[in-house]
Amino acid sequence: MADHGYQAQVKRLGIPDRWIEHGSQKELYIECGFDDKALVAAVKEMLPAKGAKRITMAT
């Protein structure tokens, strides 16, 4: 992609560098920001503003 001038936006999602209490898998996902709401928010944050030009590549 880089050879053809495309730029990929990457967002790293990781476990915070702090103590995480024990809990159910669901509770831990929420605590670390890996639940559905947090993931949707992270994706929306990366999307271009309305009216921005989008390029779709065929696979």
C-alpha atoms as a PDB file:
ATOM      1  CA  MET A   1       0.000   0.000   0.000  1.00  0.00           C
ATOM      2  CA  ALA A   2       2.782   2.411   0.886  1.00  0.00           C
ATOM      3  CA  ASP A   3       4.329   1.909  -2.567  1.00  0.00           C
ATOM      4  CA  HIS A   4       1.104   3.238  -4.111  1.00  0.00           C
ATOM      5  CA  GLY A   5       0.726   6.227  -1.791  1.00  0.00           C
ATOM      6  CA  TYR A   6      -1.967   4.831   0.487  1.00  0.00           C
ATOM      7  CA  GLN A   7      -1.793   5.682   4.161  1.00  0.00           C
ATOM      8  CA  ALA A   8      -3.217   3.355   6.771  1.00  0.00           C
ATOM      9  CA  GLN A   9      -4.389   4.781  10.063  1.00  0.00           C
ATOM     10  CA  VAL A  10      -3.628   2.439  12.955  1.00  0.00           C
ATOM     11  CA  LYS A  11      -4.920   2.667  16.498  1.00  0.00           C
ATOM     12  CA  ARG A  12      -3.351   0.426  19.089  1.00  0.00           C
ATOM     13  CA  LEU A  13      -5.686  -0.931  21.710  1.00  0.00           C
ATOM     14  CA  GLY A  14      -4.044  -2.382  24.772  1.00  0.00           C
ATOM     15  CA  ILE A  15      -4.449  -3.105  28.431  1.00  0.00           C
ATOM     16  CA  PRO A  16      -3.791  -0.007  30.564  1.00  0.00           C
ATOM     17  CA  ASP A  17      -0.551   0.042  32.559  1.00  0.00           C
ATOM     18  CA  ARG A  18      -2.217  -0.072  35.952  1.00  0.00           C
ATOM     19  CA  TRP A  19      -3.593  -2.613  38.401  1.00  0.00           C
ATOM     20  CA  ILE A  20      -6.720  -4.362  37.131  1.00  0.00           C
ATOM     21  CA  GLU A  21      -8.946  -6.014  39.724  1.00  0.00           C
ATOM     22  CA  HIS A  22     -10.188  -9.561  39.312  1.00  0.00           C
ATOM     23  CA  GLY A  23     -13.634  -9.990  37.809  1.00  0.00           C
ATOM     24  CA  SER A  24     -15.683 -11.697  35.170  1.00  0.00           C
ATOM     25  CA  GLN A  25     -14.510 -11.541  31.570  1.00  0.00           C
ATOM     26  CA  LYS A  26     -17.244  -8.995  30.805  1.00  0.00           C
ATOM     27  CA  GLU A  27     -16.177  -6.787  33.737  1.00  0.00           C
ATOM     28  CA  LEU A  28     -12.527  -6.934  32.686  1.00  0.00           C
ATOM     29  CA  TYR A  29     -13.364  -6.045  29.070  1.00  0.00           C
ATOM     30  CA  ILE A  30     -15.270  -2.987  30.296  1.00  0.00           C
ATOM     31  CA  GLU A  31     -12.434  -2.021  32.670  1.00  0.00           C
ATOM     32  CA  CYS A  32      -9.852  -2.236  29.861  1.00  0.00           C
ATOM     33  CA  GLY A  33     -12.001  -0.604  27.179  1.00  0.00           C
ATOM     34  CA  PHE A  34     -12.531  -3.745  25.102  1.00  0.00           C
ATOM     35  CA  ASP A  35     -16.327  -3.882  25.422  1.00  0.00           C
ATOM     36  CA  ASP A  36     -18.568  -3.227  22.430  1.00  0.00           C
ATOM     37  CA  LYS A  37     -19.292   0.406  23.322  1.00  0.00           C
ATOM     38  CA  ALA A  38     -15.617   1.291  23.769  1.00  0.00           C
ATOM     39  CA  LEU A  39     -14.609  -0.423  20.523  1.00  0.00           C
ATOM     40  CA  VAL A  40     -17.344   1.364  18.559  1.00  0.00           C
ATOM     41  CA  ALA A  41     -16.205   4.681  20.065  1.00  0.00           C
ATOM     42  CA  ALA A  42     -12.580   3.951  19.066  1.00  0.00           C
ATOM     43  CA  VAL A  43     -13.620   3.181  15.478  1.00  0.00           C
ATOM     44  CA  LYS A  44     -15.826   6.289  15.232  1.00  0.00           C
ATOM     45  CA  GLU A  45     -12.939   8.395  16.522  1.00  0.00           C
ATOM     46  CA  MET A  46     -10.830   7.205  13.580  1.00  0.00           C
ATOM     47  CA  LEU A  47     -13.474   7.777  10.887  1.00  0.00           C
ATOM     48  CA  PRO A  48     -13.080  10.869   8.737  1.00  0.00           C
ATOM     49  CA  ALA A  49     -15.381  13.835   9.218  1.00  0.00           C
ATOM     50  CA  LYS A  50     -18.545  14.081   7.109  1.00  0.00           C
ATOM     51  CA  GLY A  51     -17.803  15.170   3.581  1.00  0.00           C
ATOM     52  CA  ALA A  52     -14.248  13.840   3.633  1.00  0.00           C
ATOM     53  CA  LYS A  53     -13.129  11.886   0.598  1.00  0.00           C
ATOM     54  CA  ARG A  54     -13.059   8.108   1.151  1.00  0.00           C
ATOM     55  CA  ILE A  55     -11.121   5.673  -0.990  1.00  0.00           C
ATOM     56  CA  THR A  56     -12.211   2.031  -1.128  1.00  0.00           C
ATOM     57  CA  MET A  57      -9.791  -0.581  -2.401  1.00  0.00           C
ATOM     58  CA  ALA A  58     -10.960  -3.820  -3.995  1.00  0.00           C
ATOM     59  CA  THR A  59      -9.471  -6.969  -2.521  1.00  0.00           C
END
